[in-house]
Amino acid sequence: MCPALLENEKRCLGGMTFFAQSHPVEVCGSNGLPLTPNSITIYGKSQFLKTIYHPHLSPYLDISRSKHERIVVVAEYSGDPLSIKHDLNTEEIIKISFQCLLALKHMNELDLVHRHLSPDNILIKRNSDVQLYNYGLYYMTDGGKNVSFPIGSPKYTAPEVFLNPSLSGAKVDSWSLGMIIAEQLLGQSIWSGVKLSQCLRKVLSLILCDTSIFERLARENNCFHTYENLSKELKEFVDSCLQIHSVKRKTPGELLELPIFAEYLMKNAQEKEENLYKNIIVRKMDELYYLWQLAGGDITVDLKKQGLIRSRPPILSIPNLVILLGQMFGQRDTASLLDIRIVKVPMETLRQRLAHIPYIANYPWLTNQMRVQAQEDLTNAASQLPLIIRERDTEYQFYRLVLFDRLLQAFPLTQEAIIEEAHKDIPPPVRGAVWAALLGITGDIKKRYDMIDKETPTHTDRQDANWIEPEAGTEKMPRINVDDFLNLYNNSPSKIIAVDVRSNIQFERGAILGSINIPFTSVQLSQTHIETLGPHAKPLMDNKNSVVVIIGPHDQNNALFADFLVKCNVVGVCSLQGGINALRSKSPNIIVPAR
């Protein structure tokens, strides 16, 4: 019998929350406007993290902001943290080190640094593979500037982080990994039971160490006998990580070149080729998260159940002193600190909702021999319903995701099928990829965007009071401002032909003396002969040296009429900026009744 769709799904969701740092109430930016809340800055930077895919990095699924500068982060959380794993053999520890280095190297290629690496953030899955968790906290908070808590576990943090407040580089993660692997090789926790101040003192005391840091840690924790029994390659790896001077310390990419990982690199290359066409029907985690939400899942509810989100009476968080500038002193709300707890949420809600769907539904039909009648009946019936209902139907959205995934895998051979299905609807998780296929977008778009010079000032950067944003579709239309028009009208009236495109009634109520009235609604834009406008357009036909100024209430109508006159070979055509309303405000006496 075919198993249910998610019967063997072991992946889970992990939710965490923290607060962004609030700005002092009265502080403004250099332009005099209020500063952008840090929670919005964090939300904006975090969107990049949702685009990162690597087998040894837990994918970010959702980052949202709530009241009081709260940030809620959802990512895949599969397996158990390294901190609860004990009695690992040497081979397993080397594999963990290797896969951590692969993940860190990929992060460095994206200009990311973990800076929060600890045994709690290294997840060991059921197949013994590694996934790094919470690797984007340092990036999304702009190096910790937008939060009021330090990022990183003191025991695993490199000494230079405490001595130098500048942004951390890739070698900080090498130190953290070295400390974690040293603990695993020695078989016990380093400096267990010490207070925070003592832990910081011990980390900084390593600066004065002239010998191997690994050897010193082994002696301090009475594990020197275990240290002596380790292989030379293992000691070399840990010593390369635990170099006091960052100049001598290797980056994750350089550590992968050590002899201890040579065999693993070859094996990893072979596995990549073998797994290229495996698991192609495994649903992506972001798709499952989207369906889980449709099925009634809510990470905020789970965070509240576990006590990570708690409401407190405001009076309990009142500070002892608030100065006029808005800075607060005294009682500190501990909620602003980082809560390292992670809420692990199985996808049981989605599993129950899709329990009746067989696993074979992961194979969408692409030919007549692959059709599933039940699936077709549902999608055909649901496709007649309004879009808002279809987008809330979990089962319908699942089938649409499966179909679009397979169509995108076979693109561009399936281009016509994608166009046909896109006319019905496009599931939100695949809209970006579908539109990229429909519009023919290829290549590294982000790289091309980054290459654009967005810093050098240009003449189009004006933001002064005289700049008027043109309406859509009128950007190429020549304009004349009201002051220039009045100057030309008063000093050289023979060099100007004013064409009022308002209705006859509006023109009779008030117009510029000497202007001609050609209502826009009477113009046949498909024509290319000026004679179709009637005898009152004769001045336009005879025009050689005058400026033709179109006056109307709407820039878009003016632009269309100007384009029509250009097609009729009328020269010197432009539009009055702001139209009749701007002219009436600037010089009301110039407008007189036509009768």
Protein backbone atom coordinates (compact mmCIF):
# COMPACT_ATOMS: atom_id res chain seq x y z
CA MET A 1 0.00 0.00 0.00
CA CYS A 2 1.31 3.45 -0.88
CA PRO A 3 2.28 5.45 2.27
CA ALA A 4 0.65 8.78 3.11
CA LEU A 5 2.22 11.94 1.80
CA LEU A 6 4.10 13.09 4.94
CA GLU A 7 4.13 9.80 6.81
CA ASN A 8 7.94 9.61 6.89
CA GLU A 9 8.61 13.35 7.11
CA LYS A 10 11.00 13.97 10.01
CA ARG A 11 11.93 17.59 9.37
CA CYS A 12 10.67 20.14 11.90
CA LEU A 13 10.33 23.89 12.26
CA GLY A 14 12.35 25.89 14.75
CA GLY A 15 11.06 29.18 16.13
CA MET A 16 12.94 31.80 18.13
CA THR A 17 12.31 35.42 19.06
CA PHE A 18 14.24 38.47 20.24
CA PHE A 19 13.81 42.23 20.53
CA ALA A 20 15.48 44.87 18.40
CA GLN A 21 17.02 47.80 20.23
CA SER A 22 14.72 50.82 20.50
CA HIS A 23 15.91 54.30 19.56
CA PRO A 24 15.72 57.06 22.21
CA VAL A 25 12.37 58.81 21.77
CA GLU A 26 13.65 62.26 20.77
CA VAL A 27 16.53 61.21 18.50
CA CYS A 28 16.17 62.09 14.79
CA GLY A 29 18.33 61.53 11.74
CA SER A 30 20.47 64.14 9.98
CA ASN A 31 17.45 65.05 7.81
CA GLY A 32 15.32 65.86 10.84
CA LEU A 33 13.04 62.85 10.34
CA PRO A 34 12.55 60.04 12.90
CA LEU A 35 15.03 57.19 12.62
CA THR A 36 13.94 53.94 10.97
CA PRO A 37 13.06 51.42 13.72
CA ASN A 38 15.77 48.77 14.12
CA SER A 39 13.17 46.02 13.74
CA ILE A 40 12.47 47.25 10.18
CA THR A 41 16.21 47.35 9.42
CA ILE A 42 16.58 43.77 10.69
CA TYR A 43 13.54 42.66 8.70
CA GLY A 44 14.97 44.19 5.51
CA LYS A 45 18.45 42.65 5.84
CA SER A 46 17.05 39.23 6.78
CA GLN A 47 15.27 38.77 3.45
CA PHE A 48 18.59 37.81 1.85
CA LEU A 49 18.93 34.89 4.27
CA LYS A 50 15.78 33.30 2.82
CA THR A 51 17.54 32.91 -0.54
CA ILE A 52 20.43 30.78 0.84
CA TYR A 53 20.35 27.04 0.12
CA HIS A 54 23.08 24.65 1.22
CA PRO A 55 22.82 21.04 2.46
CA HIS A 56 24.60 21.94 5.71
CA LEU A 57 22.76 25.18 6.50
CA SER A 58 19.25 25.21 8.01
CA PRO A 59 17.16 27.25 5.56
CA TYR A 60 15.47 30.38 6.86
CA LEU A 61 11.72 30.22 6.16
CA ASP A 62 10.21 33.37 7.63
CA ILE A 63 11.27 36.49 9.50
CA SER A 64 8.51 38.74 10.80
CA ARG A 65 8.23 41.74 13.11
CA SER A 66 5.63 42.25 15.79
CA LYS A 67 4.73 44.83 18.43
CA HIS A 68 7.38 46.48 20.61
CA GLU A 69 10.24 45.79 18.17
CA ARG A 70 9.86 42.01 18.48
CA ILE A 71 11.38 39.82 15.76
CA VAL A 72 10.18 36.24 15.16
CA VAL A 73 12.45 33.92 13.16
CA VAL A 74 11.39 30.57 11.66
CA ALA A 75 13.92 28.13 10.19
CA GLU A 76 14.24 24.39 9.63
CA TYR A 77 15.24 22.59 12.82
CA SER A 78 16.01 18.95 12.01
CA GLY A 79 17.92 16.66 14.32
CA ASP A 80 19.44 17.24 17.76
CA PRO A 81 22.03 19.80 18.88
CA LEU A 82 25.62 18.67 19.28
CA SER A 83 25.48 19.74 22.94
CA ILE A 84 23.43 16.65 23.87
CA LYS A 85 25.56 14.22 21.86
CA HIS A 86 28.10 12.26 23.91
CA ASP A 87 30.71 9.59 23.27
CA LEU A 88 31.22 10.44 19.61
CA ASN A 89 34.07 8.54 18.02
CA THR A 90 36.95 10.23 16.19
CA GLU A 91 35.56 9.45 12.75
CA GLU A 92 32.22 11.09 13.60
CA ILE A 93 33.94 14.19 15.00
CA ILE A 94 36.03 14.60 11.83
CA LYS A 95 32.89 14.29 9.69
CA ILE A 96 31.14 16.94 11.80
CA SER A 97 34.17 19.23 11.43
CA PHE A 98 34.28 18.71 7.68
CA GLN A 99 30.60 19.46 7.10
CA CYS A 100 30.74 22.51 9.39
CA LEU A 101 33.68 23.83 7.35
CA LEU A 102 31.76 23.28 4.10
CA ALA A 103 28.88 25.34 5.47
CA LEU A 104 31.17 28.08 6.83
CA LYS A 105 33.05 28.27 3.53
CA HIS A 106 29.78 28.74 1.64
CA MET A 107 28.79 31.50 4.08
CA ASN A 108 32.12 33.26 3.59
CA GLU A 109 31.61 33.18 -0.18
CA LEU A 110 28.38 35.11 0.48
CA ASP A 111 30.23 37.58 2.76
CA LEU A 112 28.52 36.12 5.84
CA VAL A 113 30.01 35.30 9.24
CA HIS A 114 28.29 33.05 11.79
CA ARG A 115 29.79 34.57 14.96
CA HIS A 116 27.25 32.60 17.04
CA LEU A 117 28.74 29.13 16.51
CA SER A 118 28.28 26.84 19.50
CA PRO A 119 27.27 23.20 20.13
CA ASP A 120 23.65 24.35 20.45
CA ASN A 121 23.72 25.71 16.90
CA ILE A 122 25.17 22.58 15.29
CA LEU A 123 22.37 20.12 14.53
CA ILE A 124 23.03 16.42 13.92
CA LYS A 125 20.33 14.85 11.73
CA ARG A 126 19.23 11.21 11.82
CA ASN A 127 21.52 10.35 8.92
CA SER A 128 24.45 11.91 10.87
CA ASP A 129 24.67 14.90 8.53
CA VAL A 130 25.24 18.36 10.01
CA GLN A 131 23.22 21.54 9.65
CA LEU A 132 24.29 24.88 11.12
CA TYR A 133 21.46 26.76 12.78
CA ASN A 134 20.98 30.46 13.62
CA TYR A 135 23.82 31.49 11.32
CA GLY A 136 22.14 34.72 10.20
CA LEU A 137 21.70 36.49 13.55
CA TYR A 138 24.97 38.43 13.26
CA TYR A 139 24.20 39.50 9.69
CA MET A 140 20.57 40.52 10.14
CA THR A 141 21.41 42.66 13.20
CA ASP A 142 24.18 44.48 11.29
CA GLY A 143 26.97 43.02 13.38
CA GLY A 144 24.95 43.32 16.61
CA LYS A 145 24.39 47.09 16.25
CA ASN A 146 20.60 46.79 16.17
CA VAL A 147 20.16 44.71 19.34
CA SER A 148 20.99 45.34 22.98
CA PHE A 149 22.64 41.98 23.64
CA PRO A 150 26.04 40.57 22.61
CA ILE A 151 26.07 37.92 19.88
CA GLY A 152 28.08 34.78 20.53
CA SER A 153 28.73 32.34 23.35
CA PRO A 154 31.66 33.72 25.43
CA LYS A 155 33.41 30.38 25.80
CA TYR A 156 33.54 29.82 22.04
CA THR A 157 34.21 33.42 21.00
CA ALA A 158 37.63 34.42 19.66
CA PRO A 159 39.70 36.69 21.98
CA GLU A 160 39.95 39.53 19.42
CA VAL A 161 36.16 39.96 19.53
CA PHE A 162 36.42 41.18 23.15
CA LEU A 163 39.38 43.45 22.38
CA ASN A 164 38.31 44.93 19.02
CA PRO A 165 34.77 46.30 18.49
CA SER A 166 35.03 46.23 14.68
CA LEU A 167 33.13 43.77 12.49
CA SER A 168 34.27 40.16 12.73
CA GLY A 169 35.81 38.23 9.85
CA ALA A 170 35.69 34.61 8.73
CA LYS A 171 38.52 33.55 11.06
CA VAL A 172 36.33 34.16 14.13
CA ASP A 173 34.29 31.10 13.16
CA SER A 174 37.48 29.05 12.79
CA TRP A 175 38.29 29.72 16.46
CA SER A 176 34.75 28.84 17.56
CA LEU A 177 34.83 25.56 15.65
CA GLY A 178 38.27 24.78 17.12
CA MET A 179 36.96 25.20 20.69
CA ILE A 180 33.89 23.04 19.94
CA ILE A 181 35.94 20.23 18.37
CA ALA A 182 38.50 20.42 21.20
CA GLU A 183 35.69 19.71 23.67
CA GLN A 184 34.46 16.76 21.62
CA LEU A 185 37.94 15.26 21.28
CA LEU A 186 38.70 15.68 24.98
CA GLY A 187 35.35 14.14 25.87
CA GLN A 188 34.22 16.81 28.33
CA SER A 189 33.11 20.43 28.52
CA ILE A 190 35.86 23.04 28.88
CA TRP A 191 35.64 25.32 31.96
CA SER A 192 32.33 23.80 33.04
CA GLY A 193 30.59 25.50 35.94
CA VAL A 194 32.53 28.77 35.83
CA LYS A 195 30.79 32.16 35.98
CA LEU A 196 30.66 34.54 33.03
CA SER A 197 33.35 36.86 34.39
CA GLN A 198 35.68 33.90 35.04
CA CYS A 199 34.97 32.53 31.55
CA LEU A 200 35.93 35.85 29.94
CA ARG A 201 39.09 35.96 32.06
CA LYS A 202 40.09 32.47 30.96
CA VAL A 203 39.50 33.25 27.26
CA LEU A 204 41.60 36.44 27.47
CA SER A 205 44.31 34.64 29.45
CA LEU A 206 44.93 32.47 26.38
CA ILE A 207 46.51 35.51 24.73
CA LEU A 208 49.61 35.02 26.90
CA CYS A 209 49.95 31.34 25.96
CA ASP A 210 53.23 30.60 24.12
CA THR A 211 52.53 26.90 23.47
CA SER A 212 49.66 25.04 21.83
CA ILE A 213 46.25 26.34 22.98
CA PHE A 214 44.81 22.84 22.56
CA GLU A 215 47.48 21.36 24.81
CA ARG A 216 46.90 24.02 27.46
CA LEU A 217 43.14 23.37 27.46
CA ALA A 218 43.81 19.63 27.87
CA ARG A 219 46.09 20.26 30.88
CA GLU A 220 43.66 22.71 32.52
CA ASN A 221 40.83 20.17 32.29
CA ASN A 222 42.91 17.13 33.34
CA CYS A 223 42.64 15.53 29.90
CA PHE A 224 46.28 15.54 28.86
CA HIS A 225 46.36 11.74 28.55
CA THR A 226 43.45 11.90 26.06
CA TYR A 227 45.24 14.67 24.19
CA GLU A 228 48.41 12.60 23.84
CA ASN A 229 46.50 9.73 22.22
CA LEU A 230 45.10 11.90 19.41
CA SER A 231 46.55 11.67 15.92
CA LYS A 232 48.97 14.26 14.60
CA GLU A 233 46.49 15.35 11.90
CA LEU A 234 43.77 16.03 14.46
CA LYS A 235 46.10 18.13 16.62
CA GLU A 236 47.23 20.05 13.55
CA PHE A 237 43.60 20.83 12.64
CA VAL A 238 42.64 22.09 16.10
CA ASP A 239 45.89 24.06 16.46
CA SER A 240 45.24 25.71 13.07
CA CYS A 241 41.86 26.86 14.41
CA LEU A 242 43.11 28.01 17.83
CA GLN A 243 45.78 30.50 16.80
CA ILE A 244 45.82 33.58 19.06
CA HIS A 245 46.90 35.91 16.26
CA SER A 246 44.19 36.01 13.62
CA VAL A 247 46.84 36.56 10.93
CA LYS A 248 48.18 33.07 11.58
CA ARG A 249 44.74 31.49 11.90
CA LYS A 250 43.29 29.73 8.84
CA THR A 251 39.92 30.49 7.29
CA PRO A 252 37.33 27.67 6.86
CA GLY A 253 38.31 27.37 3.20
CA GLU A 254 41.99 26.99 4.10
CA LEU A 255 41.20 24.47 6.84
CA LEU A 256 39.48 22.23 4.27
CA GLU A 257 42.83 21.90 2.47
CA LEU A 258 44.45 20.16 5.47
CA PRO A 259 45.47 16.50 4.90
CA ILE A 260 42.90 15.22 7.38
CA PHE A 261 40.07 16.22 5.04
CA ALA A 262 41.55 15.01 1.73
CA GLU A 263 39.57 11.77 1.71
CA TYR A 264 36.35 13.54 2.73
CA LEU A 265 36.69 16.04 -0.13
CA MET A 266 36.91 13.21 -2.67
CA LYS A 267 33.98 11.40 -1.11
CA ASN A 268 31.92 14.62 -1.05
CA ALA A 269 32.52 15.20 -4.79
CA GLN A 270 31.37 11.64 -5.58
CA GLU A 271 28.24 11.99 -3.44
CA LYS A 272 27.32 15.21 -5.24
CA GLU A 273 27.28 13.39 -8.58
CA GLU A 274 25.40 10.39 -7.18
CA ASN A 275 22.76 12.50 -5.44
CA LEU A 276 22.20 14.83 -8.39
CA TYR A 277 19.02 13.05 -9.45
CA LYS A 278 18.02 11.63 -6.06
CA ASN A 279 15.25 13.05 -3.90
CA ILE A 280 13.95 15.24 -6.71
CA ILE A 281 10.43 14.76 -5.37
CA VAL A 282 11.26 15.76 -1.78
CA ARG A 283 9.26 18.90 -1.06
CA LYS A 284 11.25 22.01 -0.23
CA MET A 285 11.02 23.23 3.33
CA ASP A 286 9.64 26.63 2.36
CA GLU A 287 6.79 24.92 0.51
CA LEU A 288 5.97 22.76 3.53
CA TYR A 289 6.04 25.82 5.78
CA TYR A 290 3.62 27.63 3.45
CA LEU A 291 1.25 24.65 3.43
CA TRP A 292 1.62 24.25 7.22
CA GLN A 293 0.40 27.83 7.66
CA LEU A 294 -2.55 27.20 5.34
CA ALA A 295 -3.42 24.13 7.43
CA GLY A 296 -3.70 26.31 10.55
CA GLY A 297 -0.12 26.36 11.84
CA ASP A 298 1.03 29.51 13.65
CA ILE A 299 4.55 29.78 15.05
CA THR A 300 3.52 32.67 17.33
CA VAL A 301 0.99 30.44 19.09
CA ASP A 302 3.66 27.79 19.70
CA LEU A 303 6.08 30.42 21.05
CA LYS A 304 3.39 31.61 23.47
CA LYS A 305 2.68 28.03 24.61
CA GLN A 306 6.36 27.55 25.45
CA GLY A 307 6.59 30.88 27.28
CA LEU A 308 8.89 32.64 24.81
CA ILE A 309 6.28 35.34 24.20
CA ARG A 310 4.80 36.69 27.40
CA SER A 311 2.80 39.85 28.04
CA ARG A 312 3.76 41.91 31.09
CA PRO A 313 1.99 44.89 32.68
CA PRO A 314 3.79 48.06 31.54
CA ILE A 315 4.25 49.22 35.12
CA LEU A 316 6.66 46.34 35.77
CA SER A 317 9.10 47.63 33.14
CA ILE A 318 9.14 51.31 34.10
CA PRO A 319 12.77 52.57 34.43
CA ASN A 320 14.03 54.41 37.50
CA LEU A 321 15.10 57.49 35.54
CA VAL A 322 14.30 58.95 32.12
CA ILE A 323 16.25 62.03 31.02
CA LEU A 324 14.90 64.69 28.66
CA LEU A 325 16.73 63.17 25.67
CA GLY A 326 14.71 60.00 26.10
CA GLN A 327 17.48 57.75 27.49
CA MET A 328 16.44 55.37 30.25
CA PHE A 329 18.39 54.30 33.32
CA GLY A 330 17.75 51.91 36.13
CA GLN A 331 15.57 48.83 35.92
CA ARG A 332 16.37 46.87 32.76
CA ASP A 333 13.80 44.70 31.11
CA THR A 334 15.39 41.26 30.74
CA ALA A 335 13.10 40.61 27.77
CA SER A 336 15.44 42.76 25.66
CA LEU A 337 18.19 40.16 26.10
CA LEU A 338 18.56 37.16 23.82
CA ASP A 339 16.49 34.14 24.75
CA ILE A 340 18.50 31.22 23.36
CA ARG A 341 15.61 28.78 23.65
CA ILE A 342 14.33 27.26 20.41
CA VAL A 343 10.79 25.96 20.03
CA LYS A 344 10.83 22.81 17.93
CA VAL A 345 7.52 22.38 16.09
CA PRO A 346 6.71 19.13 14.21
CA MET A 347 4.48 19.51 11.14
CA GLU A 348 1.74 17.36 12.62
CA THR A 349 -0.98 19.85 11.62
CA LEU A 350 -0.02 19.56 7.95
CA ARG A 351 0.45 15.79 8.18
CA GLN A 352 -3.13 15.36 9.43
CA ARG A 353 -4.53 17.75 6.81
CA LEU A 354 -2.90 15.85 3.92
CA ALA A 355 -3.13 12.35 5.43
CA HIS A 356 -5.50 11.11 2.70
CA ILE A 357 -3.12 12.07 -0.13
CA PRO A 358 -0.86 9.18 -1.27
CA TYR A 359 2.88 9.69 -1.61
CA ILE A 360 2.62 9.13 -5.37
CA ALA A 361 0.97 12.57 -5.62
CA ASN A 362 4.51 13.98 -5.55
CA TYR A 363 4.75 12.84 -9.17
CA PRO A 364 2.69 15.32 -11.23
CA TRP A 365 1.33 14.36 -14.65
CA LEU A 366 3.27 15.66 -17.60
CA THR A 367 1.96 13.13 -20.12
CA ASN A 368 -1.35 11.30 -20.61
CA GLN A 369 0.13 8.16 -19.02
CA MET A 370 0.88 10.00 -15.75
CA ARG A 371 -2.56 11.44 -15.02
CA VAL A 372 -4.13 11.01 -11.55
CA GLN A 373 -7.91 11.35 -11.87
CA ALA A 374 -8.55 12.44 -8.26
CA GLN A 375 -5.97 15.17 -8.57
CA GLU A 376 -7.42 16.43 -11.86
CA ASP A 377 -11.00 16.41 -10.51
CA LEU A 378 -9.97 18.55 -7.54
CA THR A 379 -7.88 21.07 -9.47
CA ASN A 380 -10.48 21.43 -12.25
CA ALA A 381 -13.30 21.97 -9.77
CA ALA A 382 -11.32 24.36 -7.57
CA SER A 383 -10.04 26.38 -10.52
CA GLN A 384 -13.59 27.72 -10.99
CA LEU A 385 -13.59 29.23 -7.49
CA PRO A 386 -12.42 32.78 -6.71
CA LEU A 387 -8.65 33.20 -6.35
CA ILE A 388 -8.86 34.16 -2.66
CA ILE A 389 -10.52 30.82 -1.89
CA ARG A 390 -8.05 28.81 -3.98
CA GLU A 391 -5.10 30.41 -2.23
CA ARG A 392 -6.46 29.23 1.15
CA ASP A 393 -7.14 25.65 0.08
CA THR A 394 -4.24 23.55 1.40
CA GLU A 395 -4.80 20.54 -0.85
CA TYR A 396 -5.29 22.61 -4.01
CA GLN A 397 -2.15 24.64 -3.29
CA PHE A 398 -0.18 21.42 -2.73
CA TYR A 399 -1.13 20.05 -6.16
CA ARG A 400 -0.32 23.38 -7.81
CA LEU A 401 3.11 23.51 -6.12
CA VAL A 402 3.91 19.97 -7.27
CA LEU A 403 2.92 20.77 -10.84
CA PHE A 404 4.84 24.04 -11.07
CA ASP A 405 7.94 22.50 -9.48
CA ARG A 406 8.06 19.81 -12.14
CA LEU A 407 7.33 22.27 -14.95
CA LEU A 408 10.14 24.55 -13.76
CA GLN A 409 12.55 21.61 -13.58
CA ALA A 410 11.92 20.90 -17.27
CA PHE A 411 12.04 24.56 -18.38
CA PRO A 412 12.41 25.77 -21.18
CA LEU A 413 10.83 22.67 -22.74
CA THR A 414 7.70 23.33 -20.69
CA GLN A 415 7.41 27.05 -21.40
CA GLU A 416 4.03 26.78 -23.11
CA ALA A 417 2.65 24.65 -20.27
CA ILE A 418 3.88 27.19 -17.71
CA ILE A 419 2.13 30.00 -19.58
CA GLU A 420 -1.08 27.97 -19.74
CA GLU A 421 -1.04 27.12 -16.03
CA ALA A 422 0.00 30.65 -15.01
CA HIS A 423 -3.22 31.96 -16.57
CA LYS A 424 -5.12 30.02 -13.89
CA ASP A 425 -3.05 31.01 -10.83
CA ILE A 426 0.49 30.84 -9.46
CA PRO A 427 1.17 29.62 -5.87
CA PRO A 428 2.97 32.34 -3.85
CA PRO A 429 6.13 30.28 -3.04
CA VAL A 430 6.98 29.82 -6.74
CA ARG A 431 5.83 33.17 -8.14
CA GLY A 432 9.36 34.53 -8.38
CA ALA A 433 10.66 31.52 -10.33
CA VAL A 434 7.60 31.37 -12.58
CA TRP A 435 7.75 35.04 -13.49
CA ALA A 436 11.50 34.74 -14.11
CA ALA A 437 10.73 31.93 -16.56
CA LEU A 438 7.92 33.86 -18.24
CA LEU A 439 10.03 37.00 -18.64
CA GLY A 440 13.17 35.14 -19.76
CA ILE A 441 15.33 36.33 -16.86
CA THR A 442 18.59 34.39 -16.74
CA GLY A 443 22.03 34.72 -15.19
CA ASP A 444 23.18 36.15 -11.89
CA ILE A 445 20.74 39.06 -11.50
CA LYS A 446 22.01 40.02 -8.05
CA LYS A 447 25.58 40.29 -9.29
CA ARG A 448 24.49 42.50 -12.17
CA TYR A 449 22.51 44.69 -9.79
CA ASP A 450 25.46 44.97 -7.39
CA MET A 451 27.69 46.11 -10.27
CA ILE A 452 25.47 49.17 -10.88
CA ASP A 453 27.02 52.32 -9.42
CA LYS A 454 24.40 53.54 -6.94
CA GLU A 455 26.69 55.91 -5.00
CA THR A 456 27.96 58.45 -7.54
CA PRO A 457 25.60 61.49 -7.63
CA THR A 458 23.91 62.17 -10.98
CA HIS A 459 21.66 64.91 -12.33
CA THR A 460 18.65 62.64 -11.89
CA ASP A 461 19.13 62.44 -8.12
CA ARG A 462 17.49 65.83 -7.47
CA GLN A 463 15.06 65.83 -4.55
CA ASP A 464 14.52 69.59 -4.20
CA ALA A 465 11.25 71.46 -3.96
CA ASN A 466 11.19 72.31 -7.68
CA TRP A 467 11.29 68.68 -8.76
CA ILE A 468 7.89 67.36 -9.82
CA GLU A 469 7.47 63.63 -10.28
CA PRO A 470 5.97 63.03 -13.76
CA GLU A 471 2.95 60.82 -14.21
CA ALA A 472 3.43 57.32 -15.60
CA GLY A 473 3.75 57.35 -19.37
CA THR A 474 4.71 61.05 -19.60
CA GLU A 475 8.45 60.83 -18.86
CA LYS A 476 9.58 61.55 -22.46
CA MET A 477 7.20 64.48 -23.07
CA PRO A 478 8.91 67.93 -23.43
CA ARG A 479 7.68 70.41 -20.79
CA ILE A 480 7.67 74.14 -20.19
CA ASN A 481 7.22 75.45 -16.66
CA VAL A 482 4.72 78.17 -15.77
CA ASP A 483 7.32 80.95 -15.31
CA ASP A 484 8.89 80.39 -18.73
CA PHE A 485 5.46 80.23 -20.34
CA LEU A 486 4.35 83.53 -18.77
CA ASN A 487 7.61 85.22 -19.77
CA LEU A 488 7.21 84.05 -23.38
CA TYR A 489 3.49 84.93 -23.45
CA ASN A 490 3.98 88.45 -22.10
CA ASN A 491 7.11 89.40 -24.10
CA SER A 492 6.73 87.47 -27.39
CA PRO A 493 3.07 86.42 -27.82
CA SER A 494 3.56 85.87 -31.55
CA LYS A 495 6.03 83.05 -30.82
CA ILE A 496 3.58 80.96 -28.85
CA ILE A 497 0.48 78.95 -29.80
CA ALA A 498 -1.54 77.85 -26.78
CA VAL A 499 -3.74 74.77 -27.38
CA ASP A 500 -6.37 74.13 -24.69
CA VAL A 501 -7.47 70.47 -24.73
CA ARG A 502 -10.24 70.83 -22.15
CA SER A 503 -13.92 70.50 -23.04
CA ASN A 504 -15.77 73.37 -24.75
CA ILE A 505 -17.71 74.21 -21.58
CA GLN A 506 -14.53 74.42 -19.45
CA PHE A 507 -12.85 76.51 -22.16
CA GLU A 508 -15.73 79.00 -22.31
CA ARG A 509 -15.69 79.48 -18.54
CA GLY A 510 -12.09 80.62 -18.58
CA ALA A 511 -9.10 80.31 -20.89
CA ILE A 512 -5.94 82.09 -22.01
CA LEU A 513 -6.63 84.96 -24.36
CA GLY A 514 -5.75 83.97 -27.92
CA SER A 515 -5.60 80.22 -27.24
CA ILE A 516 -7.36 77.70 -29.49
CA ASN A 517 -9.64 75.00 -28.14
CA ILE A 518 -9.28 71.39 -29.37
CA PRO A 519 -11.07 69.08 -26.86
CA PHE A 520 -9.05 65.94 -26.23
CA THR A 521 -12.17 63.78 -26.43
CA SER A 522 -12.70 64.87 -30.06
CA VAL A 523 -9.22 63.82 -31.21
CA GLN A 524 -8.87 60.60 -33.20
CA LEU A 525 -5.41 59.49 -32.07
CA SER A 526 -5.20 56.84 -34.80
CA GLN A 527 -5.17 59.55 -37.48
CA THR A 528 -1.99 61.21 -38.73
CA HIS A 529 -3.46 64.23 -40.51
CA ILE A 530 -3.89 67.57 -38.79
CA GLU A 531 -6.89 68.36 -40.97
CA THR A 532 -9.00 65.93 -38.94
CA LEU A 533 -8.96 68.48 -36.09
CA GLY A 534 -11.00 71.00 -38.08
CA PRO A 535 -10.41 74.56 -39.40
CA HIS A 536 -9.45 76.00 -35.98
CA ALA A 537 -6.23 73.89 -36.16
CA LYS A 538 -4.96 75.89 -39.15
CA PRO A 539 -2.39 77.83 -36.99
CA LEU A 540 -0.79 74.47 -36.16
CA MET A 541 -0.50 73.55 -39.86
CA ASP A 542 1.13 76.88 -40.72
CA ASN A 543 3.45 76.84 -37.72
CA LYS A 544 7.16 77.17 -38.52
CA ASN A 545 8.86 79.04 -35.68
CA SER A 546 6.32 79.18 -32.81
CA VAL A 547 6.21 77.04 -29.68
CA VAL A 548 3.04 74.92 -29.41
CA VAL A 549 2.07 74.65 -25.72
CA ILE A 550 -0.59 72.11 -24.77
CA ILE A 551 -2.67 73.12 -21.76
CA GLY A 552 -4.91 70.64 -20.01
CA PRO A 553 -5.73 69.22 -16.57
CA HIS A 554 -4.01 65.84 -17.06
CA ASP A 555 -0.38 65.21 -18.05
CA GLN A 556 -1.25 61.84 -19.60
CA ASN A 557 -3.81 63.38 -21.98
CA ASN A 558 -1.32 66.12 -22.82
CA ALA A 559 1.35 63.50 -23.62
CA LEU A 560 -0.99 61.57 -25.92
CA PHE A 561 -2.05 64.74 -27.73
CA ALA A 562 1.58 65.88 -28.06
CA ASP A 563 2.48 62.50 -29.57
CA PHE A 564 -0.42 62.90 -32.02
CA LEU A 565 0.79 66.36 -33.12
CA VAL A 566 4.34 65.08 -33.62
CA LYS A 567 2.98 62.32 -35.88
CA CYS A 568 1.17 65.06 -37.82
CA ASN A 569 4.56 66.76 -38.39
CA VAL A 570 3.80 69.71 -36.08
CA VAL A 571 7.07 71.15 -34.74
CA GLY A 572 7.91 72.76 -31.39
CA VAL A 573 5.35 70.79 -29.32
CA CYS A 574 5.55 70.83 -25.50
CA SER A 575 3.23 70.64 -22.50
CA LEU A 576 2.63 73.16 -19.72
CA GLN A 577 3.97 71.65 -16.48
CA GLY A 578 1.11 71.40 -14.00
CA GLY A 579 -1.48 72.32 -16.63
CA ILE A 580 -4.24 74.88 -16.29
CA ASN A 581 -4.38 74.50 -12.49
CA ALA A 582 -0.75 75.54 -12.04
CA LEU A 583 -1.29 78.51 -14.37
CA ARG A 584 -4.39 79.59 -12.49
CA SER A 585 -2.50 79.48 -9.18
CA LYS A 586 0.50 81.42 -10.51
CA SER A 587 -1.30 84.09 -12.55
CA PRO A 588 -5.09 84.02 -12.17
CA ASN A 589 -5.55 87.22 -14.19
CA ILE A 590 -4.29 85.60 -17.39
CA ILE A 591 -7.39 83.39 -17.58
CA VAL A 592 -10.45 85.19 -18.87
CA PRO A 593 -13.89 84.01 -20.08
CA ALA A 594 -13.87 83.05 -23.74
CA ARG A 595 -17.25 84.77 -24.27
